C-alpha atoms as a PDB file:
ATOM      1  CA  MET A   1      -0.383 -26.699  67.828  1.00  0.00           C
ATOM      2  CA  LYS A   2      -0.742 -30.479  67.791  1.00  0.00           C
ATOM      3  CA  SER A   3       1.730 -32.389  69.920  1.00  0.00           C
ATOM      4  CA  THR A   4       3.404 -35.370  68.256  1.00  0.00           C
ATOM      5  CA  THR A   5       6.355 -37.569  69.104  1.00  0.00           C
ATOM      6  CA  GLY A   6       8.769 -39.754  67.227  1.00  0.00           C
ATOM      7  CA  PRO A   7      10.797 -39.295  64.073  1.00  0.00           C
ATOM      8  CA  ILE A   8       9.541 -37.775  60.850  1.00  0.00           C
ATOM      9  CA  PRO A   9       7.695 -40.515  58.963  1.00  0.00           C
ATOM     10  CA  GLY A  10       9.492 -41.962  55.955  1.00  0.00           C
ATOM     11  CA  ILE A  11      13.028 -40.626  56.453  1.00  0.00           C
ATOM     12  CA  THR A  12      15.401 -43.031  54.726  1.00  0.00           C
ATOM     13  CA  ARG A  13      18.700 -41.173  54.107  1.00  0.00           C
ATOM     14  CA  VAL A  14      20.504 -37.874  53.678  1.00  0.00           C
ATOM     15  CA  ASP A  15      19.721 -36.391  50.268  1.00  0.00           C
ATOM     16  CA  HIS A  16      22.049 -33.382  50.002  1.00  0.00           C
ATOM     17  CA  PHE A  17      23.939 -30.698  51.880  1.00  0.00           C
ATOM     18  CA  GLY A  18      23.377 -27.031  51.065  1.00  0.00           C
ATOM     19  CA  VAL A  19      26.392 -24.732  51.386  1.00  0.00           C
ATOM     20  CA  THR A  20      26.676 -20.981  50.785  1.00  0.00           C
ATOM     21  CA  VAL A  21      30.024 -19.754  49.451  1.00  0.00           C
ATOM     22  CA  PRO A  22      31.395 -16.319  48.538  1.00  0.00           C
ATOM     23  CA  ASP A  23      32.620 -17.388  45.076  1.00  0.00           C
ATOM     24  CA  LEU A  24      31.169 -20.290  43.079  1.00  0.00           C
ATOM     25  CA  ASP A  25      34.165 -20.545  40.769  1.00  0.00           C
ATOM     26  CA  GLU A  26      36.521 -20.972  43.733  1.00  0.00           C
ATOM     27  CA  ALA A  27      34.089 -23.470  45.248  1.00  0.00           C
ATOM     28  CA  ARG A  28      33.891 -25.433  42.007  1.00  0.00           C
ATOM     29  CA  ALA A  29      37.671 -25.814  41.953  1.00  0.00           C
ATOM     30  CA  PHE A  30      37.565 -27.065  45.558  1.00  0.00           C
ATOM     31  CA  PHE A  31      34.665 -29.483  45.137  1.00  0.00           C
ATOM     32  CA  VAL A  32      35.957 -30.926  41.849  1.00  0.00           C
ATOM     33  CA  ASP A  33      39.750 -30.685  42.130  1.00  0.00           C
ATOM     34  CA  VAL A  34      40.205 -31.247  45.876  1.00  0.00           C
ATOM     35  CA  LEU A  35      37.238 -33.391  46.950  1.00  0.00           C
ATOM     36  CA  GLY A  36      36.845 -35.187  43.622  1.00  0.00           C
ATOM     37  CA  CYS A  37      33.170 -34.354  43.197  1.00  0.00           C
ATOM     38  CA  GLU A  38      31.393 -34.655  39.888  1.00  0.00           C
ATOM     39  CA  TYR A  39      29.903 -31.332  38.726  1.00  0.00           C
ATOM     40  CA  MET A  40      26.294 -31.992  37.764  1.00  0.00           C
ATOM     41  CA  TYR A  41      24.484 -28.781  36.767  1.00  0.00           C
ATOM     42  CA  THR A  42      23.784 -25.109  37.530  1.00  0.00           C
ATOM     43  CA  LEU A  43      20.554 -23.224  38.253  1.00  0.00           C
ATOM     44  CA  GLY A  44      19.774 -19.545  38.713  1.00  0.00           C
ATOM     45  CA  PRO A  45      19.733 -16.685  39.118  1.00  0.00           C
ATOM     46  CA  PHE A  46      16.657 -16.431  41.354  1.00  0.00           C
ATOM     47  CA  GLN A  47      15.119 -13.144  42.429  1.00  0.00           C
ATOM     48  CA  HIS A  48      11.599 -12.303  43.556  1.00  0.00           C
ATOM     49  CA  ASP A  49       9.678  -9.036  44.035  1.00  0.00           C
ATOM     50  CA  ASP A  50       7.465 -10.451  46.769  1.00  0.00           C
ATOM     51  CA  ARG A  51       8.030 -12.364  50.032  1.00  0.00           C
ATOM     52  CA  TRP A  52       9.049 -15.636  48.376  1.00  0.00           C
ATOM     53  CA  MET A  53      12.708 -15.462  49.473  1.00  0.00           C
ATOM     54  CA  SER A  54      11.880 -14.926  53.161  1.00  0.00           C
ATOM     55  CA  GLU A  55       8.978 -17.383  53.177  1.00  0.00           C
ATOM     56  CA  HIS A  56      10.848 -20.211  51.453  1.00  0.00           C
ATOM     57  CA  LEU A  57      14.554 -19.677  52.157  1.00  0.00           C
ATOM     58  CA  ASN A  58      14.660 -17.620  55.379  1.00  0.00           C
ATOM     59  CA  VAL A  59      16.649 -14.797  53.735  1.00  0.00           C
ATOM     60  CA  ALA A  60      15.758 -11.133  53.182  1.00  0.00           C
ATOM     61  CA  ASP A  61      13.246 -10.566  50.398  1.00  0.00           C
ATOM     62  CA  SER A  62      15.761  -8.384  48.519  1.00  0.00           C
ATOM     63  CA  THR A  63      18.296 -11.242  48.399  1.00  0.00           C
ATOM     64  CA  VAL A  64      19.354 -12.530  44.994  1.00  0.00           C
ATOM     65  CA  MET A  65      20.551 -16.101  44.593  1.00  0.00           C
ATOM     66  CA  ARG A  66      23.118 -15.518  41.873  1.00  0.00           C
ATOM     67  CA  ARG A  67      23.634 -19.167  41.060  1.00  0.00           C
ATOM     68  CA  LEU A  68      23.677 -22.605  42.580  1.00  0.00           C
ATOM     69  CA  ASP A  69      25.756 -25.535  41.451  1.00  0.00           C
ATOM     70  CA  PHE A  70      25.178 -29.214  42.187  1.00  0.00           C
ATOM     71  CA  TYR A  71      27.934 -31.783  42.813  1.00  0.00           C
ATOM     72  CA  ARG A  72      27.931 -35.506  43.500  1.00  0.00           C
ATOM     73  CA  LEU A  73      30.601 -37.166  45.642  1.00  0.00           C
ATOM     74  CA  ALA A  74      31.492 -40.825  45.115  1.00  0.00           C
ATOM     75  CA  GLY A  75      28.169 -41.448  43.417  1.00  0.00           C
ATOM     76  CA  GLN A  76      26.258 -40.577  46.597  1.00  0.00           C
ATOM     77  CA  ALA A  77      26.246 -37.357  48.590  1.00  0.00           C
ATOM     78  CA  ILE A  78      25.197 -34.254  46.716  1.00  0.00           C
ATOM     79  CA  PHE A  79      26.363 -30.753  47.557  1.00  0.00           C
ATOM     80  CA  GLU A  80      24.042 -27.886  46.606  1.00  0.00           C
ATOM     81  CA  VAL A  81      26.354 -24.859  46.528  1.00  0.00           C
ATOM     82  CA  PHE A  82      24.861 -21.344  46.580  1.00  0.00           C
ATOM     83  CA  GLU A  83      26.189 -17.864  45.908  1.00  0.00           C
ATOM     84  CA  TYR A  84      23.940 -15.098  47.215  1.00  0.00           C
ATOM     85  CA  GLU A  85      23.907 -11.322  46.910  1.00  0.00           C
ATOM     86  CA  ALA A  86      22.411  -9.864  50.078  1.00  0.00           C
ATOM     87  CA  ALA A  87      22.555  -6.451  51.759  1.00  0.00           C
ATOM     88  CA  GLU A  88      23.248  -7.984  55.158  1.00  0.00           C
ATOM     89  CA  ARG A  89      25.218 -11.198  55.381  1.00  0.00           C
ATOM     90  CA  SER A  90      28.136 -12.490  57.332  1.00  0.00           C
ATOM     91  CA  LEU A  91      31.265 -13.372  55.407  1.00  0.00           C
ATOM     92  CA  THR A  92      32.737 -15.183  58.421  1.00  0.00           C
ATOM     93  CA  PRO A  93      31.880 -18.886  58.563  1.00  0.00           C
ATOM     94  CA  PRO A  94      30.690 -20.113  61.985  1.00  0.00           C
ATOM     95  CA  ARG A  95      33.097 -22.022  64.184  1.00  0.00           C
ATOM     96  CA  ASN A  96      32.016 -25.366  65.643  1.00  0.00           C
ATOM     97  CA  SER A  97      31.331 -23.614  68.945  1.00  0.00           C
ATOM     98  CA  ASP A  98      28.982 -21.056  67.323  1.00  0.00           C
ATOM     99  CA  VAL A  99      25.256 -21.674  67.123  1.00  0.00           C
ATOM    100  CA  GLY A 100      24.769 -23.091  63.640  1.00  0.00           C
ATOM    101  CA  GLY A 101      28.384 -24.251  63.572  1.00  0.00           C
ATOM    102  CA  HIS A 102      28.893 -27.309  61.440  1.00  0.00           C
ATOM    103  CA  HIS A 103      31.318 -29.440  59.496  1.00  0.00           C
ATOM    104  CA  VAL A 104      31.114 -32.066  56.782  1.00  0.00           C
ATOM    105  CA  ALA A 105      32.957 -35.300  57.552  1.00  0.00           C
ATOM    106  CA  LEU A 106      34.328 -37.318  54.655  1.00  0.00           C
ATOM    107  CA  TYR A 107      35.656 -40.871  54.914  1.00  0.00           C
ATOM    108  CA  VAL A 108      39.099 -41.636  53.472  1.00  0.00           C
ATOM    109  CA  GLU A 109      40.915 -44.954  53.254  1.00  0.00           C
ATOM    110  CA  ASP A 110      44.398 -43.566  54.074  1.00  0.00           C
ATOM    111  CA  LEU A 111      44.173 -40.592  56.427  1.00  0.00           C
ATOM    112  CA  ASP A 112      47.901 -39.835  56.442  1.00  0.00           C
ATOM    113  CA  ALA A 113      48.111 -39.709  52.634  1.00  0.00           C
ATOM    114  CA  ALA A 114      45.001 -37.498  52.515  1.00  0.00           C
ATOM    115  CA  VAL A 115      46.432 -35.083  55.104  1.00  0.00           C
ATOM    116  CA  ASP A 116      49.749 -34.875  53.239  1.00  0.00           C
ATOM    117  CA  HIS A 117      47.808 -34.085  50.058  1.00  0.00           C
ATOM    118  CA  LEU A 118      45.768 -31.311  51.721  1.00  0.00           C
ATOM    119  CA  ARG A 119      48.914 -29.738  53.136  1.00  0.00           C
ATOM    120  CA  GLY A 120      50.581 -29.989  49.717  1.00  0.00           C
ATOM    121  CA  LEU A 121      47.659 -28.024  48.288  1.00  0.00           C
ATOM    122  CA  GLY A 122      48.258 -25.297  50.873  1.00  0.00           C
ATOM    123  CA  LEU A 123      44.935 -25.788  52.665  1.00  0.00           C
ATOM    124  CA  THR A 124      44.616 -25.102  56.397  1.00  0.00           C
ATOM    125  CA  VAL A 125      44.818 -28.383  58.315  1.00  0.00           C
ATOM    126  CA  PHE A 126      44.380 -28.314  62.102  1.00  0.00           C
ATOM    127  CA  GLY A 127      46.990 -30.221  64.080  1.00  0.00           C
ATOM    128  CA  GLU A 128      47.757 -33.850  63.489  1.00  0.00           C
ATOM    129  CA  PRO A 129      45.351 -36.765  63.110  1.00  0.00           C
ATOM    130  CA  THR A 130      43.621 -37.616  66.381  1.00  0.00           C
ATOM    131  CA  ALA A 131      42.923 -41.176  67.487  1.00  0.00           C
ATOM    132  CA  SER A 132      39.456 -41.514  68.989  1.00  0.00           C
ATOM    133  CA  ARG A 133      38.784 -43.341  72.249  1.00  0.00           C
ATOM    134  CA  GLY A 134      35.855 -45.136  73.776  1.00  0.00           C
ATOM    135  CA  PRO A 135      33.072 -46.201  71.398  1.00  0.00           C
ATOM    136  CA  SER A 136      34.892 -44.552  68.458  1.00  0.00           C
ATOM    137  CA  GLU A 137      38.236 -46.276  69.123  1.00  0.00           C
ATOM    138  CA  GLY A 138      39.703 -47.422  65.821  1.00  0.00           C
ATOM    139  CA  GLN A 139      38.865 -44.099  64.165  1.00  0.00           C
ATOM    140  CA  ARG A 140      41.312 -41.312  63.390  1.00  0.00           C
ATOM    141  CA  TRP A 141      40.211 -37.842  62.269  1.00  0.00           C
ATOM    142  CA  ILE A 142      41.387 -34.336  61.408  1.00  0.00           C
ATOM    143  CA  TYR A 143      39.756 -31.005  60.516  1.00  0.00           C
ATOM    144  CA  PHE A 144      40.616 -28.770  57.572  1.00  0.00           C
ATOM    145  CA  LEU A 145      39.207 -25.654  55.910  1.00  0.00           C
ATOM    146  CA  ALA A 146      37.915 -25.027  52.418  1.00  0.00           C
ATOM    147  CA  PRO A 147      39.421 -21.870  50.858  1.00  0.00           C
ATOM    148  CA  TRP A 148      36.420 -19.789  52.054  1.00  0.00           C
ATOM    149  CA  GLY A 149      36.700 -21.112  55.635  1.00  0.00           C
ATOM    150  CA  MET A 150      34.075 -23.860  55.749  1.00  0.00           C
ATOM    151  CA  GLN A 151      35.046 -26.678  58.081  1.00  0.00           C
ATOM    152  CA  PHE A 152      35.531 -30.210  56.816  1.00  0.00           C
ATOM    153  CA  GLU A 153      36.713 -33.325  58.603  1.00  0.00           C
ATOM    154  CA  LEU A 154      38.473 -36.393  57.270  1.00  0.00           C
ATOM    155  CA  VAL A 155      37.827 -39.642  59.124  1.00  0.00           C
ATOM    156  CA  SER A 156      39.196 -43.133  58.694  1.00  0.00           C
ATOM    157  CA  TYR A 157      38.452 -46.384  60.517  1.00  0.00           C
ATOM    158  CA  PRO A 158      39.580 -49.206  58.231  1.00  0.00           C
ATOM    159  CA  GLY A 159      39.292 -51.800  61.029  1.00  0.00           C
ATOM    160  CA  GLY A 160      35.947 -50.460  62.196  1.00  0.00           C
ATOM    161  CA  LYS A 161      35.020 -48.531  65.327  1.00  0.00           C
ATOM    162  CA  ALA A 162      34.870 -50.164  68.760  1.00  0.00           C
ATOM    163  CA  PHE A 163      31.117 -49.549  69.009  1.00  0.00           C
ATOM    164  CA  ASP A 164      30.328 -51.348  65.759  1.00  0.00           C
ATOM    165  CA  ASN A 165      32.869 -54.110  66.364  1.00  0.00           C
ATOM    166  CA  ALA A 166      31.410 -54.793  69.822  1.00  0.00           C
ATOM    167  CA  ARG A 167      27.921 -55.054  68.328  1.00  0.00           C
ATOM    168  CA  ARG A 168      29.282 -57.659  65.890  1.00  0.00           C
ATOM    169  CA  GLY A 169      31.186 -59.470  68.670  1.00  0.00           C
ATOM    170  CA  GLN A 170      34.616 -58.540  67.253  1.00  0.00           C
ATOM    171  CA  ALA A 171      37.587 -57.231  69.201  1.00  0.00           C
ATOM    172  CA  PRO A 172      38.422 -53.558  68.529  1.00  0.00           C
ATOM    173  CA  THR A 173      41.174 -53.004  65.989  1.00  0.00           C
ATOM    174  CA  ARG A 174      43.563 -50.095  65.752  1.00  0.00           C
ATOM    175  CA  GLY A 175      43.045 -47.781  62.745  1.00  0.00           C
END
């Protein structure tokens, strides 16, 4: 194998996030009604009688991708949301401490209003907003769960973060 170093040539931005959910209708309600995403389109189902699924998607060859929906958030980030049928799959989302653990962080202008809204919807919100320290001072954040258990984070730093403000020669501001 050839040894190379450095970043992948030509990377310019994040294109989309792929998410697997247990129920696409429930997910659609969350992405559209809670996050405010724009539903774009649906594809599927996809099923193959050869090794295509394992070779291209790293799932068992007998797996069926029932459907996938696409959503756009604030005219930018796109969520590609899958529903699979597979003989062996975990229905428990990974925690942050698990290998493969993850979360999606979304910026909000008013963190307290957003948290109140999530709680009013009956979603699981963890603790109270946390004020960051050090290079991220000026930021506040909080985690919450989608109905199927996927982790999301809300962040807000209306006055900027200390790291960025220091680079611009500005004093840190409290968020």
